[in-house]
Amino acid sequence: MFFEDVKIRRSVRTFDGKELNDEVINDLKEYAKTIVNPYNIPVEFVFLNKDDHKLSSPVLSGEKEYISAKVKKGQNADVAYGYSFEKMLMYAVSKGLGTVFIGGTLPRDKFEKASELKNDEIMPCMSPIGYAADKMGVKEVLMRKGVKADSRYNFSELFFKNDFETHLSDDEAEKLGVKKALEAVRLAPSAVNKQPWRAVVSDGGVHFYEKKDKGYDNGTYDVQKVDMGIALYHFENQCIEEGKQLKFEVANPGIAIPQNTEYIASYLF
């Protein structure tokens, strides 16, 4: 079921213009209270009405509600943030709602003020929440085309076996029992569709790395580490749905890595 949601999910920027009813909003708020991440770093969700707070984004239309999230600054805060926020948004997707991560194309000062962001907190993203319009707006069509939103790197370009020299094929991943979970990662959303996740599969588990692009780390948080949190959530949740027992740890396995690549975390079987 999760994998099916991952496959059909797309970033929605054109909404039907209708308010969400209290039942839907309250359900989302209750779910938000249950969300935890492997780092045990609390992420606080904030629900914002567009009209109440006079909010907007130039890349959106028809939206009435937003979900914002904030987390205290610190090591792995951005990764934990991405994991928790994606868990929130995938729940919304499972309820038939449209979402999209918005990081750069928003009046950040207004959203931070509405979210009551403190000096020791970060708020990398927000998402509109609502029902998708029957037809995408012109801005949305052009934006999706610009970032090639429906394309992804090939499986073997993202995933490796034992080291970064040996590409992992679909068939090998199937034999190792991780194909669907890695495919869930491959299909995940990322900032400007850069897909910064890389994974090395070894005998004992799967090790995740960030392939860094310039311009995504502002010194306070790294947007591509938020993307890495999204990837970790996709991998973990698909494995759990398949009944796999996982152990999460941050312990660099010492695999030689390419330039501009950073170890993030591992899942051990």
C-alpha atoms as a PDB file:
ATOM      1  CA  MET A   1       0.000   0.000   0.000  1.00  0.00           C
ATOM      2  CA  PHE A   2       2.808   2.438   0.864  1.00  0.00           C
ATOM      3  CA  PHE A   3       4.628   1.518  -2.337  1.00  0.00           C
ATOM      4  CA  GLU A   4       1.493   2.147  -4.392  1.00  0.00           C
ATOM      5  CA  ASP A   5       1.136   5.594  -2.809  1.00  0.00           C
ATOM      6  CA  VAL A   6       4.799   6.315  -3.619  1.00  0.00           C
ATOM      7  CA  LYS A   7       4.243   5.355  -7.261  1.00  0.00           C
ATOM      8  CA  ILE A   8       1.133   7.502  -7.800  1.00  0.00           C
ATOM      9  CA  ARG A   9       2.204  10.457  -5.658  1.00  0.00           C
ATOM     10  CA  ARG A  10       3.227  13.646  -7.439  1.00  0.00           C
ATOM     11  CA  SER A  11       4.007  17.147  -6.261  1.00  0.00           C
ATOM     12  CA  VAL A  12       0.775  19.188  -6.378  1.00  0.00           C
ATOM     13  CA  ARG A  13       0.940  22.943  -6.897  1.00  0.00           C
ATOM     14  CA  THR A  14      -2.561  23.619  -8.278  1.00  0.00           C
ATOM     15  CA  PHE A  15      -5.411  23.057  -5.809  1.00  0.00           C
ATOM     16  CA  ASP A  16      -9.210  23.140  -6.123  1.00  0.00           C
ATOM     17  CA  GLY A  17      -9.595  26.300  -4.004  1.00  0.00           C
ATOM     18  CA  LYS A  18     -11.756  24.655  -1.335  1.00  0.00           C
ATOM     19  CA  GLU A  19     -11.194  24.762   2.420  1.00  0.00           C
ATOM     20  CA  LEU A  20     -10.455  21.473   4.149  1.00  0.00           C
ATOM     21  CA  ASN A  21     -13.105  20.572   6.697  1.00  0.00           C
ATOM     22  CA  ASP A  22     -12.307  20.368  10.421  1.00  0.00           C
ATOM     23  CA  GLU A  23     -12.458  16.573  10.424  1.00  0.00           C
ATOM     24  CA  VAL A  24      -9.638  16.316   7.882  1.00  0.00           C
ATOM     25  CA  ILE A  25      -7.494  18.964   9.594  1.00  0.00           C
ATOM     26  CA  ASN A  26      -8.002  17.418  13.038  1.00  0.00           C
ATOM     27  CA  ASP A  27      -7.084  13.964  11.710  1.00  0.00           C
ATOM     28  CA  LEU A  28      -3.825  15.356  10.298  1.00  0.00           C
ATOM     29  CA  LYS A  29      -3.074  17.170  13.556  1.00  0.00           C
ATOM     30  CA  GLU A  30      -3.632  14.011  15.604  1.00  0.00           C
ATOM     31  CA  TYR A  31      -1.382  12.003  13.287  1.00  0.00           C
ATOM     32  CA  ALA A  32       1.323  14.672  13.516  1.00  0.00           C
ATOM     33  CA  LYS A  33       1.492  14.127  17.286  1.00  0.00           C
ATOM     34  CA  THR A  34       2.455  10.466  16.761  1.00  0.00           C
ATOM     35  CA  ILE A  35       5.387  11.069  14.403  1.00  0.00           C
ATOM     36  CA  VAL A  36       8.871  10.126  15.556  1.00  0.00           C
ATOM     37  CA  ASN A  37      12.117   9.644  13.620  1.00  0.00           C
ATOM     38  CA  PRO A  38      15.140   7.337  14.085  1.00  0.00           C
ATOM     39  CA  TYR A  39      17.213  10.177  15.551  1.00  0.00           C
ATOM     40  CA  ASN A  40      14.624  10.807  18.281  1.00  0.00           C
ATOM     41  CA  ILE A  41      14.747  14.510  17.434  1.00  0.00           C
ATOM     42  CA  PRO A  42      11.334  16.159  17.990  1.00  0.00           C
ATOM     43  CA  VAL A  43       9.855  17.855  14.914  1.00  0.00           C
ATOM     44  CA  GLU A  44       6.925  20.189  15.601  1.00  0.00           C
ATOM     45  CA  PHE A  45       4.210  20.577  12.965  1.00  0.00           C
ATOM     46  CA  VAL A  46       2.271  23.812  12.539  1.00  0.00           C
ATOM     47  CA  PHE A  47      -0.983  24.080  10.593  1.00  0.00           C
ATOM     48  CA  LEU A  48      -1.519  27.456   8.948  1.00  0.00           C
ATOM     49  CA  ASN A  49      -4.586  28.850   7.227  1.00  0.00           C
ATOM     50  CA  LYS A  50      -3.724  30.983   4.200  1.00  0.00           C
ATOM     51  CA  ASP A  51      -6.242  33.750   4.878  1.00  0.00           C
ATOM     52  CA  ASP A  52      -5.707  33.892   8.645  1.00  0.00           C
ATOM     53  CA  HIS A  53      -1.984  34.508   8.210  1.00  0.00           C
ATOM     54  CA  LYS A  54      -2.054  36.232   4.785  1.00  0.00           C
ATOM     55  CA  LEU A  55       0.321  33.667   3.290  1.00  0.00           C
ATOM     56  CA  SER A  56       1.033  32.645  -0.291  1.00  0.00           C
ATOM     57  CA  SER A  57       3.657  31.241  -2.637  1.00  0.00           C
ATOM     58  CA  PRO A  58       4.252  32.348  -6.239  1.00  0.00           C
ATOM     59  CA  VAL A  59       4.377  28.726  -7.457  1.00  0.00           C
ATOM     60  CA  LEU A  60       1.034  27.701  -5.917  1.00  0.00           C
ATOM     61  CA  SER A  61      -2.604  28.396  -6.733  1.00  0.00           C
ATOM     62  CA  GLY A  62      -5.889  27.446  -5.109  1.00  0.00           C
ATOM     63  CA  GLU A  63      -4.337  26.364  -1.802  1.00  0.00           C
ATOM     64  CA  LYS A  64      -6.076  27.244   1.480  1.00  0.00           C
ATOM     65  CA  GLU A  65      -3.973  25.464   4.110  1.00  0.00           C
ATOM     66  CA  TYR A  66      -0.289  24.810   4.764  1.00  0.00           C
ATOM     67  CA  ILE A  67       1.675  22.464   6.963  1.00  0.00           C
ATOM     68  CA  SER A  68       4.874  23.933   8.338  1.00  0.00           C
ATOM     69  CA  ALA A  69       7.393  22.159  10.550  1.00  0.00           C
ATOM     70  CA  LYS A  70      10.257  23.292  12.750  1.00  0.00           C
ATOM     71  CA  VAL A  71      13.063  21.591  14.631  1.00  0.00           C
ATOM     72  CA  LYS A  72      15.816  22.718  16.979  1.00  0.00           C
ATOM     73  CA  LYS A  73      19.187  23.330  15.354  1.00  0.00           C
ATOM     74  CA  GLY A  74      21.715  20.563  15.878  1.00  0.00           C
ATOM     75  CA  GLN A  75      23.484  17.585  14.381  1.00  0.00           C
ATOM     76  CA  ASN A  76      21.223  15.551  12.071  1.00  0.00           C
ATOM     77  CA  ALA A  77      18.319  17.958  12.641  1.00  0.00           C
ATOM     78  CA  ASP A  78      17.815  18.457   8.906  1.00  0.00           C
ATOM     79  CA  VAL A  79      17.817  14.694   8.203  1.00  0.00           C
ATOM     80  CA  ALA A  80      15.360  14.051  11.054  1.00  0.00           C
ATOM     81  CA  TYR A  81      13.226  16.904   9.730  1.00  0.00           C
ATOM     82  CA  GLY A  82      13.013  15.366   6.263  1.00  0.00           C
ATOM     83  CA  TYR A  83      12.126  11.949   7.661  1.00  0.00           C
ATOM     84  CA  SER A  84       9.346  13.287   9.887  1.00  0.00           C
ATOM     85  CA  PHE A  85       7.927  15.721   7.335  1.00  0.00           C
ATOM     86  CA  GLU A  86       7.779  13.041   4.647  1.00  0.00           C
ATOM     87  CA  LYS A  87       6.008  10.711   7.077  1.00  0.00           C
ATOM     88  CA  MET A  88       3.439  13.475   7.614  1.00  0.00           C
ATOM     89  CA  LEU A  89       2.988  14.126   3.900  1.00  0.00           C
ATOM     90  CA  MET A  90       2.746  10.455   2.930  1.00  0.00           C
ATOM     91  CA  TYR A  91      -0.039  10.096   5.487  1.00  0.00           C
ATOM     92  CA  ALA A  92      -1.805  12.985   3.772  1.00  0.00           C
ATOM     93  CA  VAL A  93      -1.251  11.320   0.383  1.00  0.00           C
ATOM     94  CA  SER A  94      -2.798   8.103   1.735  1.00  0.00           C
ATOM     95  CA  LYS A  95      -5.901  10.178   2.524  1.00  0.00           C
ATOM     96  CA  GLY A  96      -6.143  11.455  -1.047  1.00  0.00           C
ATOM     97  CA  LEU A  97      -4.629  14.889  -0.357  1.00  0.00           C
ATOM     98  CA  GLY A  98      -2.145  16.792  -2.496  1.00  0.00           C
ATOM     99  CA  THR A  99       1.191  18.006  -1.118  1.00  0.00           C
ATOM    100  CA  VAL A 100       4.528  19.410  -2.274  1.00  0.00           C
ATOM    101  CA  PHE A 101       7.734  20.351  -0.453  1.00  0.00           C
ATOM    102  CA  ILE A 102       8.297  24.101  -0.818  1.00  0.00           C
ATOM    103  CA  GLY A 103      11.649  25.444   0.356  1.00  0.00           C
ATOM    104  CA  GLY A 104      12.889  28.305  -1.783  1.00  0.00           C
ATOM    105  CA  THR A 105       9.768  29.712  -3.409  1.00  0.00           C
ATOM    106  CA  LEU A 106       7.980  31.201  -0.422  1.00  0.00           C
ATOM    107  CA  PRO A 107       8.094  34.473   1.538  1.00  0.00           C
ATOM    108  CA  ARG A 108      10.214  32.834   4.222  1.00  0.00           C
ATOM    109  CA  ASP A 109       9.954  35.678   6.759  1.00  0.00           C
ATOM    110  CA  LYS A 110       6.133  35.478   6.730  1.00  0.00           C
ATOM    111  CA  PHE A 111       6.035  31.692   7.102  1.00  0.00           C
ATOM    112  CA  GLU A 112       8.643  31.723   9.852  1.00  0.00           C
ATOM    113  CA  LYS A 113       6.699  34.402  11.729  1.00  0.00           C
ATOM    114  CA  ALA A 114       3.397  32.518  11.322  1.00  0.00           C
ATOM    115  CA  SER A 115       5.125  29.335  12.518  1.00  0.00           C
ATOM    116  CA  GLU A 116       6.525  31.223  15.536  1.00  0.00           C
ATOM    117  CA  LEU A 117      10.032  30.077  14.666  1.00  0.00           C
ATOM    118  CA  LYS A 118      12.530  30.592  17.497  1.00  0.00           C
ATOM    119  CA  ASN A 119      16.173  31.593  17.089  1.00  0.00           C
ATOM    120  CA  ASP A 120      17.374  28.098  17.932  1.00  0.00           C
ATOM    121  CA  GLU A 121      15.043  26.431  15.381  1.00  0.00           C
ATOM    122  CA  ILE A 122      15.042  25.828  11.630  1.00  0.00           C
ATOM    123  CA  MET A 123      12.127  25.584   9.224  1.00  0.00           C
ATOM    124  CA  PRO A 124      13.552  24.360   5.900  1.00  0.00           C
ATOM    125  CA  CYS A 125      10.210  23.661   4.221  1.00  0.00           C
ATOM    126  CA  MET A 126       6.462  23.911   4.215  1.00  0.00           C
ATOM    127  CA  SER A 127       3.780  22.153   2.189  1.00  0.00           C
ATOM    128  CA  PRO A 128       0.370  23.272   0.988  1.00  0.00           C
ATOM    129  CA  ILE A 129      -2.304  20.718   1.833  1.00  0.00           C
ATOM    130  CA  GLY A 130      -5.586  20.207   0.004  1.00  0.00           C
ATOM    131  CA  TYR A 131      -7.228  18.483  -2.926  1.00  0.00           C
ATOM    132  CA  ALA A 132      -5.595  18.738  -6.328  1.00  0.00           C
ATOM    133  CA  ALA A 133      -7.425  20.665  -9.042  1.00  0.00           C
ATOM    134  CA  ASP A 134      -8.710  18.658 -11.996  1.00  0.00           C
ATOM    135  CA  LYS A 135      -6.135  20.324 -14.232  1.00  0.00           C
ATOM    136  CA  MET A 136      -2.626  21.585 -13.527  1.00  0.00           C
ATOM    137  CA  GLY A 137      -2.024  25.314 -13.929  1.00  0.00           C
ATOM    138  CA  VAL A 138       0.387  26.670 -16.539  1.00  0.00           C
ATOM    139  CA  LYS A 139       2.999  27.565 -13.889  1.00  0.00           C
ATOM    140  CA  GLU A 140       2.900  24.023 -12.526  1.00  0.00           C
ATOM    141  CA  VAL A 141       3.254  22.439 -15.963  1.00  0.00           C
ATOM    142  CA  LEU A 142       6.253  24.634 -16.766  1.00  0.00           C
ATOM    143  CA  MET A 143       7.897  24.018 -13.396  1.00  0.00           C
ATOM    144  CA  ARG A 144       7.508  20.238 -13.678  1.00  0.00           C
ATOM    145  CA  LYS A 145       8.983  20.364 -17.166  1.00  0.00           C
ATOM    146  CA  GLY A 146      11.884  22.510 -15.968  1.00  0.00           C
ATOM    147  CA  VAL A 147      12.978  20.056 -13.269  1.00  0.00           C
ATOM    148  CA  LYS A 148      12.005  16.938 -15.270  1.00  0.00           C
ATOM    149  CA  ALA A 149       9.743  16.024 -12.379  1.00  0.00           C
ATOM    150  CA  ASP A 150       8.657  12.671 -13.767  1.00  0.00           C
ATOM    151  CA  SER A 151      12.161  11.376 -14.532  1.00  0.00           C
ATOM    152  CA  ARG A 152      14.515   9.577 -12.174  1.00  0.00           C
ATOM    153  CA  TYR A 153      18.059   8.227 -12.347  1.00  0.00           C
ATOM    154  CA  ASN A 154      18.365   4.584 -13.306  1.00  0.00           C
ATOM    155  CA  PHE A 155      18.419   2.099 -10.431  1.00  0.00           C
ATOM    156  CA  SER A 156      22.082   1.154 -10.945  1.00  0.00           C
ATOM    157  CA  GLU A 157      23.184   4.825 -10.953  1.00  0.00           C
ATOM    158  CA  LEU A 158      21.939   5.292  -7.382  1.00  0.00           C
ATOM    159  CA  PHE A 159      22.599   1.932  -5.723  1.00  0.00           C
ATOM    160  CA  PHE A 160      25.767  -0.105  -5.311  1.00  0.00           C
ATOM    161  CA  LYS A 161      26.990  -3.441  -3.943  1.00  0.00           C
ATOM    162  CA  ASN A 162      29.736  -3.497  -1.286  1.00  0.00           C
ATOM    163  CA  ASP A 163      31.492  -0.421  -2.720  1.00  0.00           C
ATOM    164  CA  PHE A 164      30.937   2.544  -5.030  1.00  0.00           C
ATOM    165  CA  GLU A 165      32.720   0.755  -7.886  1.00  0.00           C
ATOM    166  CA  THR A 166      30.109  -1.992  -8.254  1.00  0.00           C
ATOM    167  CA  HIS A 167      26.690  -0.950  -9.510  1.00  0.00           C
ATOM    168  CA  LEU A 168      23.688  -2.847  -8.149  1.00  0.00           C
ATOM    169  CA  SER A 169      21.261  -4.262 -10.702  1.00  0.00           C
ATOM    170  CA  ASP A 170      17.530  -4.727 -10.211  1.00  0.00           C
ATOM    171  CA  ASP A 171      17.969  -8.508 -10.268  1.00  0.00           C
ATOM    172  CA  GLU A 172      20.702  -8.473  -7.617  1.00  0.00           C
ATOM    173  CA  ALA A 173      18.606  -6.179  -5.413  1.00  0.00           C
ATOM    174  CA  GLU A 174      15.717  -8.606  -5.777  1.00  0.00           C
ATOM    175  CA  LYS A 175      17.912 -11.498  -4.639  1.00  0.00           C
ATOM    176  CA  LEU A 176      19.107  -9.465  -1.664  1.00  0.00           C
ATOM    177  CA  GLY A 177      15.496  -8.636  -0.723  1.00  0.00           C
ATOM    178  CA  VAL A 178      15.819  -4.847  -0.993  1.00  0.00           C
ATOM    179  CA  LYS A 179      14.608  -4.064  -4.505  1.00  0.00           C
ATOM    180  CA  LYS A 180      11.197  -2.640  -3.597  1.00  0.00           C
ATOM    181  CA  ALA A 181      12.543  -0.613  -0.663  1.00  0.00           C
ATOM    182  CA  LEU A 182      15.303   0.882  -2.837  1.00  0.00           C
ATOM    183  CA  GLU A 183      12.812   1.552  -5.620  1.00  0.00           C
ATOM    184  CA  ALA A 184      10.703   3.454  -3.067  1.00  0.00           C
ATOM    185  CA  VAL A 185      13.816   5.578  -2.438  1.00  0.00           C
ATOM    186  CA  ARG A 186      14.427   6.065  -6.172  1.00  0.00           C
ATOM    187  CA  LEU A 187      10.903   7.420  -6.638  1.00  0.00           C
ATOM    188  CA  ALA A 188      11.065   9.827  -3.680  1.00  0.00           C
ATOM    189  CA  PRO A 189      10.783  13.610  -4.146  1.00  0.00           C
ATOM    190  CA  SER A 190      13.822  15.865  -3.763  1.00  0.00           C
ATOM    191  CA  ALA A 191      14.729  19.530  -4.106  1.00  0.00           C
ATOM    192  CA  VAL A 192      14.792  20.440  -7.815  1.00  0.00           C
ATOM    193  CA  ASN A 193      14.675  16.662  -8.435  1.00  0.00           C
ATOM    194  CA  LYS A 194      18.425  16.336  -7.760  1.00  0.00           C
ATOM    195  CA  GLN A 195      17.999  12.875  -6.147  1.00  0.00           C
ATOM    196  CA  PRO A 196      21.057  13.183  -3.866  1.00  0.00           C
ATOM    197  CA  TRP A 197      20.684   9.755  -2.258  1.00  0.00           C
ATOM    198  CA  ARG A 198      23.154   6.953  -2.883  1.00  0.00           C
ATOM    199  CA  ALA A 199      23.133   3.588  -1.121  1.00  0.00           C
ATOM    200  CA  VAL A 200      25.659   0.768  -0.795  1.00  0.00           C
ATOM    201  CA  VAL A 201      24.202  -2.659  -0.023  1.00  0.00           C
ATOM    202  CA  SER A 202      26.480  -4.974   1.953  1.00  0.00           C
ATOM    203  CA  ASP A 203      25.954  -8.379   3.557  1.00  0.00           C
ATOM    204  CA  GLY A 204      24.718  -6.851   6.781  1.00  0.00           C
ATOM    205  CA  GLY A 205      22.649  -3.926   5.618  1.00  0.00           C
ATOM    206  CA  VAL A 206      22.288  -0.797   3.527  1.00  0.00           C
ATOM    207  CA  HIS A 207      24.412   2.328   3.974  1.00  0.00           C
ATOM    208  CA  PHE A 208      23.074   5.700   2.808  1.00  0.00           C
ATOM    209  CA  TYR A 209      25.117   8.618   1.498  1.00  0.00           C
ATOM    210  CA  GLU A 210      24.438  12.166   0.341  1.00  0.00           C
ATOM    211  CA  LYS A 211      25.777  13.109  -3.105  1.00  0.00           C
ATOM    212  CA  LYS A 212      26.216  16.840  -2.622  1.00  0.00           C
ATOM    213  CA  ASP A 213      25.349  19.544  -5.143  1.00  0.00           C
ATOM    214  CA  LYS A 214      26.412  23.165  -4.717  1.00  0.00           C
ATOM    215  CA  GLY A 215      23.958  25.707  -3.360  1.00  0.00           C
ATOM    216  CA  TYR A 216      21.839  23.533  -1.052  1.00  0.00           C
ATOM    217  CA  ASP A 217      23.710  24.036   2.247  1.00  0.00           C
ATOM    218  CA  ASN A 218      23.154  27.540   3.654  1.00  0.00           C
ATOM    219  CA  GLY A 219      25.336  26.976   6.710  1.00  0.00           C
ATOM    220  CA  THR A 220      22.308  26.529   8.993  1.00  0.00           C
ATOM    221  CA  TYR A 221      20.783  23.512   7.293  1.00  0.00           C
ATOM    222  CA  ASP A 222      21.350  21.424   4.176  1.00  0.00           C
ATOM    223  CA  VAL A 223      18.248  20.984   1.991  1.00  0.00           C
ATOM    224  CA  GLN A 224      19.753  17.823   0.517  1.00  0.00           C
ATOM    225  CA  LYS A 225      20.015  16.370   4.012  1.00  0.00           C
ATOM    226  CA  VAL A 226      16.278  16.995   4.271  1.00  0.00           C
ATOM    227  CA  ASP A 227      16.059  14.939   1.061  1.00  0.00           C
ATOM    228  CA  MET A 228      18.139  12.227   2.721  1.00  0.00           C
ATOM    229  CA  GLY A 229      15.626  12.080   5.566  1.00  0.00           C
ATOM    230  CA  ILE A 230      12.899  11.550   2.967  1.00  0.00           C
ATOM    231  CA  ALA A 231      14.918   8.689   1.464  1.00  0.00           C
ATOM    232  CA  LEU A 232      15.474   7.049   4.860  1.00  0.00           C
ATOM    233  CA  TYR A 233      11.752   7.166   5.585  1.00  0.00           C
ATOM    234  CA  HIS A 234      10.868   5.591   2.238  1.00  0.00           C
ATOM    235  CA  PHE A 235      13.384   2.777   2.710  1.00  0.00           C
ATOM    236  CA  GLU A 236      12.464   2.053   6.305  1.00  0.00           C
ATOM    237  CA  ASN A 237       8.707   2.177   5.849  1.00  0.00           C
ATOM    238  CA  GLN A 238       8.746  -0.136   2.832  1.00  0.00           C
ATOM    239  CA  CYS A 239      10.946  -2.631   4.706  1.00  0.00           C
ATOM    240  CA  ILE A 240       8.609  -2.535   7.702  1.00  0.00           C
ATOM    241  CA  GLU A 241       5.597  -3.138   5.440  1.00  0.00           C
ATOM    242  CA  GLU A 242       7.411  -6.200   4.091  1.00  0.00           C
ATOM    243  CA  GLY A 243       7.912  -7.494   7.635  1.00  0.00           C
ATOM    244  CA  LYS A 244      11.664  -6.916   7.785  1.00  0.00           C
ATOM    245  CA  GLN A 245      13.394  -6.288  11.111  1.00  0.00           C
ATOM    246  CA  LEU A 246      15.741  -3.321  10.886  1.00  0.00           C
ATOM    247  CA  LYS A 247      18.279  -1.689  13.152  1.00  0.00           C
ATOM    248  CA  PHE A 248      19.052   1.974  12.478  1.00  0.00           C
ATOM    249  CA  GLU A 249      22.505   3.277  13.286  1.00  0.00           C
ATOM    250  CA  VAL A 250      24.877   6.084  12.434  1.00  0.00           C
ATOM    251  CA  ALA A 251      28.235   4.307  12.195  1.00  0.00           C
ATOM    252  CA  ASN A 252      30.349   4.933   9.112  1.00  0.00           C
ATOM    253  CA  PRO A 253      31.284   1.535   7.610  1.00  0.00           C
ATOM    254  CA  GLY A 254      34.486   2.974   6.147  1.00  0.00           C
ATOM    255  CA  ILE A 255      33.626   2.407   2.490  1.00  0.00           C
ATOM    256  CA  ALA A 256      35.729   4.550   0.130  1.00  0.00           C
ATOM    257  CA  ILE A 257      33.486   7.317  -1.202  1.00  0.00           C
ATOM    258  CA  PRO A 258      33.529   9.550  -4.300  1.00  0.00           C
ATOM    259  CA  GLN A 259      34.142  13.302  -4.092  1.00  0.00           C
ATOM    260  CA  ASN A 260      31.380  15.465  -2.614  1.00  0.00           C
ATOM    261  CA  THR A 261      29.770  12.461  -0.949  1.00  0.00           C
ATOM    262  CA  GLU A 262      28.963  12.151   2.765  1.00  0.00           C
ATOM    263  CA  TYR A 263      27.895   9.156   4.845  1.00  0.00           C
ATOM    264  CA  ILE A 264      24.493   9.655   6.502  1.00  0.00           C
ATOM    265  CA  ALA A 265      23.191   6.475   8.173  1.00  0.00           C
ATOM    266  CA  SER A 266      22.717   2.721   7.888  1.00  0.00           C
ATOM    267  CA  TYR A 267      19.957   0.153   8.250  1.00  0.00           C
ATOM    268  CA  LEU A 268      21.195  -3.239   9.417  1.00  0.00           C
ATOM    269  CA  PHE A 269      19.256  -6.456   8.972  1.00  0.00           C
END
